[in-house]
Protein backbone atom coordinates (compact mmCIF):
# COMPACT_ATOMS: atom_id res chain seq x y z
CA MET A 1 -0.06 0.23 0.19
CA ASN A 2 1.70 2.82 -1.52
CA GLN A 3 0.99 5.95 1.24
CA PRO A 4 0.95 9.52 -0.66
CA LEU A 5 2.77 11.26 2.10
CA ALA A 6 5.73 8.68 1.52
CA TYR A 7 8.35 8.89 -1.22
CA VAL A 8 8.98 5.99 -3.06
CA HIS A 9 11.46 6.02 -6.54
CA PRO A 10 9.31 4.51 -9.27
CA GLN A 11 12.18 1.73 -9.80
CA ALA A 12 11.98 0.60 -6.19
CA LYS A 13 10.16 -3.26 -6.67
CA ILE A 14 7.91 -2.94 -3.58
CA ALA A 15 5.18 -6.38 -3.31
CA SER A 16 1.97 -4.83 -3.58
CA ASN A 17 1.12 -5.93 0.12
CA VAL A 18 3.25 -4.11 1.79
CA VAL A 19 2.52 -1.10 4.22
CA ILE A 20 4.36 1.88 3.77
CA GLU A 21 3.76 4.70 6.43
CA PRO A 22 4.01 8.43 6.23
CA PHE A 23 7.09 10.08 5.54
CA VAL A 24 9.44 6.88 4.37
CA ASN A 25 11.67 7.46 1.83
CA ILE A 26 12.77 4.52 -0.59
CA GLU A 27 15.44 5.24 -2.85
CA LYS A 28 16.08 3.25 -6.18
CA ASN A 29 17.63 -0.26 -6.67
CA VAL A 30 15.83 -1.60 -3.45
CA ILE A 31 13.07 -4.76 -3.34
CA ILE A 32 10.96 -5.31 -0.55
CA GLU A 33 8.75 -8.65 -0.58
CA GLU A 34 5.22 -9.67 0.56
CA GLY A 35 3.80 -8.71 3.81
CA THR A 36 6.72 -6.47 5.06
CA TRP A 37 5.42 -3.10 7.46
CA ILE A 38 7.57 0.02 7.37
CA GLY A 39 7.16 2.60 9.58
CA SER A 40 7.24 6.06 9.59
CA ASN A 41 10.40 7.65 9.32
CA VAL A 42 12.16 5.17 7.86
CA THR A 43 14.93 5.50 5.16
CA ILE A 44 16.22 2.82 2.68
CA MET A 45 18.68 3.70 0.58
CA GLU A 46 20.15 2.06 -2.43
CA GLY A 47 21.08 -2.03 -2.67
CA ALA A 48 18.49 -3.12 0.12
CA ARG A 49 16.61 -6.28 -0.19
CA ILE A 50 13.88 -6.73 2.31
CA GLY A 51 12.39 -10.27 2.90
CA LYS A 52 8.74 -11.41 3.41
CA ASN A 53 6.72 -10.28 6.40
CA CYS A 54 9.53 -8.28 8.07
CA ARG A 55 8.52 -5.07 10.58
CA ILE A 56 10.96 -2.08 10.49
CA PHE A 57 10.06 0.55 13.04
CA PRO A 58 10.17 4.51 12.68
CA GLY A 59 13.47 5.72 11.99
CA ALA A 60 15.76 2.86 11.02
CA VAL A 61 18.11 4.03 8.13
CA ILE A 62 18.70 0.39 6.05
CA SER A 63 21.32 -0.03 3.97
CA ALA A 64 23.00 3.50 4.08
CA MET A 65 26.52 4.03 2.76
CA PRO A 66 29.20 2.23 4.51
CA GLN A 67 31.31 3.96 7.22
CA ASP A 68 34.83 3.11 5.78
CA LEU A 69 36.84 5.09 4.22
CA LYS A 70 38.00 2.69 1.98
CA TYR A 71 34.44 2.39 -0.03
CA ASP A 72 35.03 3.76 -3.57
CA GLY A 73 31.03 3.75 -4.51
CA GLU A 74 31.19 0.64 -5.68
CA GLU A 75 27.70 -1.17 -5.93
CA THR A 76 26.46 -2.91 -3.02
CA ILE A 77 23.60 -4.40 -0.86
CA VAL A 78 22.19 -4.74 2.20
CA ARG A 79 20.50 -8.27 2.41
CA ILE A 80 17.84 -8.75 5.08
CA GLY A 81 15.94 -12.41 5.62
CA ASP A 82 12.13 -12.95 6.15
CA HIS A 83 10.12 -12.24 9.58
CA THR A 84 12.76 -10.20 11.23
CA THR A 85 12.09 -7.65 13.42
CA ILE A 86 14.24 -4.11 13.15
CA ARG A 87 13.43 -1.38 15.83
CA GLU A 88 13.45 2.30 15.81
CA PHE A 89 16.65 3.94 14.86
CA VAL A 90 18.48 0.91 13.79
CA THR A 91 21.18 1.35 11.07
CA ILE A 92 22.42 -0.83 9.36
CA ASN A 93 25.10 -0.24 6.01
CA ARG A 94 25.23 -2.10 2.94
CA GLY A 95 28.72 -3.97 2.42
CA THR A 96 32.03 -2.94 0.55
CA LYS A 97 33.97 -4.48 -2.41
CA ALA A 98 35.11 -6.88 0.79
CA SER A 99 32.30 -8.94 0.31
CA TRP A 100 29.90 -6.90 -1.43
CA GLU A 101 26.96 -7.51 1.05
CA THR A 102 26.05 -6.93 4.45
CA VAL A 103 23.44 -9.78 5.68
CA VAL A 104 20.86 -10.23 7.96
CA GLY A 105 18.93 -13.74 8.36
CA SER A 106 15.32 -14.25 8.93
CA HIS A 107 13.97 -14.41 12.07
CA CYS A 108 15.70 -11.36 13.77
CA LEU A 109 15.30 -8.74 16.29
CA LEU A 110 17.02 -6.33 16.36
CA MET A 111 16.40 -3.85 18.93
CA ALA A 112 16.55 0.20 19.07
CA TYR A 113 19.70 1.70 18.33
CA VAL A 114 21.35 -1.08 17.32
CA HIS A 115 24.40 -0.80 14.26
CA ILE A 116 25.37 -3.06 12.01
CA ALA A 117 28.15 -1.94 10.10
CA HIS A 118 29.63 -2.94 6.59
CA ASP A 119 29.87 -6.47 5.79
CA CYS A 120 28.63 -8.37 8.94
CA ILE A 121 27.08 -11.55 8.33
CA ILE A 122 24.18 -12.12 11.18
CA GLY A 123 22.18 -15.39 10.82
CA ASN A 124 18.75 -16.60 12.11
CA ASN A 125 16.75 -15.89 15.19
CA VAL A 126 19.67 -13.90 16.28
CA ILE A 127 19.25 -10.66 19.05
CA LEU A 128 20.79 -8.04 19.37
CA ALA A 129 19.83 -5.72 22.24
CA ASN A 130 19.31 -2.26 22.23
CA ALA A 131 22.27 0.26 21.69
CA CYS A 132 24.42 -3.15 20.78
CA THR A 133 27.01 -2.37 18.23
CA LEU A 134 28.96 -4.29 15.63
CA ALA A 135 32.04 -2.78 13.64
CA GLY A 136 32.88 -4.20 10.00
CA HIS A 137 33.09 -7.91 9.07
CA ILE A 138 31.80 -9.69 12.13
CA ARG A 139 29.82 -12.89 11.63
CA VAL A 140 27.45 -13.76 14.22
CA ASP A 141 26.08 -17.30 14.10
CA ASP A 142 22.13 -18.52 14.55
CA TRP A 143 20.48 -18.19 17.90
CA ALA A 144 23.42 -15.98 19.26
CA ILE A 145 22.21 -13.17 21.61
CA ILE A 146 24.18 -9.90 22.22
CA GLY A 147 23.00 -8.00 25.45
CA GLY A 148 22.47 -4.20 25.19
CA LEU A 149 25.29 -1.93 25.09
CA ALA A 150 27.78 -4.37 23.97
CA ALA A 151 30.45 -3.70 21.66
CA VAL A 152 32.14 -6.20 19.09
CA HIS A 153 35.13 -5.53 17.56
CA GLN A 154 35.55 -5.88 13.92
CA PHE A 155 36.26 -9.48 12.11
CA VAL A 156 35.42 -11.06 15.13
CA GLN A 157 33.40 -13.97 15.16
CA VAL A 158 30.49 -15.18 17.47
CA GLY A 159 29.27 -18.45 17.62
CA ALA A 160 26.09 -20.38 17.58
CA HIS A 161 23.85 -20.18 20.29
CA SER A 162 26.19 -17.97 22.55
CA MET A 163 25.36 -14.81 24.68
CA ILE A 164 27.27 -11.99 25.62
CA SER A 165 26.31 -9.91 28.23
CA GLY A 166 25.16 -6.48 28.32
CA GLY A 167 27.77 -3.61 27.96
CA GLY A 168 30.27 -6.03 26.91
CA LEU A 169 33.02 -5.43 24.69
CA ALA A 170 34.05 -8.43 22.83
CA ARG A 171 37.75 -8.13 21.47
CA LYS A 172 38.50 -11.96 20.66
CA ASP A 173 35.78 -14.67 19.10
CA VAL A 174 33.45 -15.92 20.97
CA PRO A 175 33.36 -20.07 20.66
CA PRO A 176 29.83 -21.62 20.27
CA PHE A 177 27.41 -21.99 22.96
CA THR A 178 29.23 -20.48 25.48
CA LYS A 179 28.08 -17.18 27.62
CA ALA A 180 30.67 -14.54 27.69
CA GLY A 181 30.81 -11.91 31.01
CA ARG A 182 33.06 -9.86 32.86
CA GLU A 183 35.61 -7.05 31.95
CA PRO A 184 37.91 -8.25 29.94
CA LEU A 185 34.70 -10.07 28.66
CA SER A 186 35.85 -13.72 29.36
CA TYR A 187 34.18 -17.45 29.48
CA ILE A 188 31.60 -17.81 32.49
CA GLY A 189 29.91 -20.77 31.44
CA VAL A 190 28.17 -22.92 28.70
CA ASN A 191 24.70 -21.09 27.42
CA SER A 192 22.61 -24.12 29.48
CA ILE A 193 19.35 -22.09 30.09
CA GLY A 194 19.34 -21.39 26.06
CA LEU A 195 20.09 -24.68 25.14
CA ARG A 196 17.42 -26.00 26.95
CA ARG A 197 14.86 -23.72 25.49
CA ARG A 198 15.94 -24.95 22.16
CA GLY A 199 15.51 -28.51 22.89
CA PHE A 200 19.11 -29.43 23.58
CA SER A 201 18.86 -32.68 26.10
CA ASP A 202 20.52 -32.83 29.52
CA GLU A 203 22.69 -35.15 28.05
CA ARG A 204 23.84 -33.22 24.84
CA ILE A 205 24.58 -29.39 26.98
CA ASN A 206 26.50 -31.97 30.04
CA ALA A 207 28.73 -33.17 26.80
CA ILE A 208 29.11 -29.26 25.68
CA GLN A 209 30.23 -28.62 28.79
CA ASP A 210 32.96 -30.95 29.38
CA ILE A 211 34.54 -29.87 25.92
CA TYR A 212 34.79 -26.59 27.41
CA ARG A 213 36.00 -27.51 30.88
CA THR A 214 39.03 -28.47 28.48
CA VAL A 215 38.85 -25.79 26.98
CA TYR A 216 38.64 -23.44 29.94
CA LEU A 217 39.17 -24.92 33.19
CA LYS A 218 41.72 -27.89 33.18
CA GLY A 219 44.94 -24.94 32.58
CA TYR A 220 45.96 -26.85 28.62
CA ASN A 221 46.98 -24.06 26.16
CA VAL A 222 43.98 -23.93 23.11
CA SER A 223 46.56 -26.50 21.56
CA GLN A 224 46.86 -29.15 24.13
CA ALA A 225 42.98 -29.07 24.94
CA ILE A 226 41.90 -29.28 21.05
CA ASN A 227 44.78 -32.20 20.85
CA LEU A 228 42.44 -33.53 24.32
CA ILE A 229 39.20 -33.39 22.54
CA GLU A 230 39.85 -34.53 19.51
CA ALA A 231 41.70 -37.67 21.37
CA ASN A 232 39.22 -38.42 24.11
CA VAL A 233 35.80 -37.30 22.88
CA PRO A 234 33.76 -39.24 20.29
CA ALA A 235 32.58 -37.06 17.10
CA SER A 236 29.84 -35.47 17.56
CA PRO A 237 27.64 -32.12 15.37
CA ASP A 238 28.88 -29.89 18.75
CA ARG A 239 32.42 -31.11 19.41
CA ASP A 240 32.66 -30.66 15.64
CA GLU A 241 31.16 -27.33 15.75
CA ILE A 242 33.18 -26.28 18.25
CA LEU A 243 36.88 -27.28 17.24
CA SER A 244 35.71 -26.00 13.70
CA PHE A 245 34.75 -22.74 15.23
CA ILE A 246 38.54 -22.53 17.43
CA ASN A 247 40.44 -23.78 14.37
CA ASN A 248 39.23 -21.34 12.07
CA SER A 249 39.43 -18.60 14.58
CA THR A 250 41.29 -15.65 13.14
CA ARG A 251 41.43 -13.41 16.11
CA GLY A 252 41.52 -16.05 18.99
CA ILE A 253 39.11 -17.30 21.18
CA MET A 254 38.03 -15.08 24.78
CA LYS A 255 39.75 -16.48 27.56
CA GLY A 256 38.54 -17.79 30.41
CA TYR A 257 38.24 -15.36 33.30
CA GLY A 258 41.26 -14.19 35.28
CA LYS A 259 43.49 -15.70 32.72
CA SER A 260 45.71 -13.79 30.52
CA ARG A 261 44.58 -11.44 27.76
CA GLU A 262 47.51 -12.25 25.72
């Protein structure tokens, strides 16, 4: 439904049942799919690709130019999945030639004042709480939760089903299934409550906890822990996901609380 007090560029591709409230600005080279609602005073700039049944609340700015001095006007996009809610004054910048796109998955909740910088990849069912800020080139895997006022350093990876506490500063990678808290941000346990809510059995959670006891609580360095886990823990999807994440970490994983950050 095209609102007469909104501006929609004639080259934008908007599904017929998209609701556009007053004072929305939608530029060219934008695609918005069926059932999405665009609240008043939203700005959707060139390169936005917005899926079905999303809700975008007043003041949000989607697909603005990257805040990156290396950006040279290349044509890039923001891709947003289906059933994602974007609350007031969220800003999502489009990609650069590093990866050509910024991605937000389906069934995500981005609370008010969240910022997602260029070239971030956000998975499905992710929750970013109020005023959470992601620098460029960050990956956040499915079901992760990042608390309010938290900040994540560029190129950091946040594993699936993990949780970062409000106000935290993530400088290192946060492995899957873990909770990160305190200052400096550190391993404080397995996200067992979140895992139970998502149907993980106690046996499965206990196996994950055993793996992280080896990584964080028994005095081994990361390489020693990896070798012990590979040798002694039977292969499983969870074990393999943890090992793959740690082995592929480029910034290194967060430390246990009280350990050296070096």
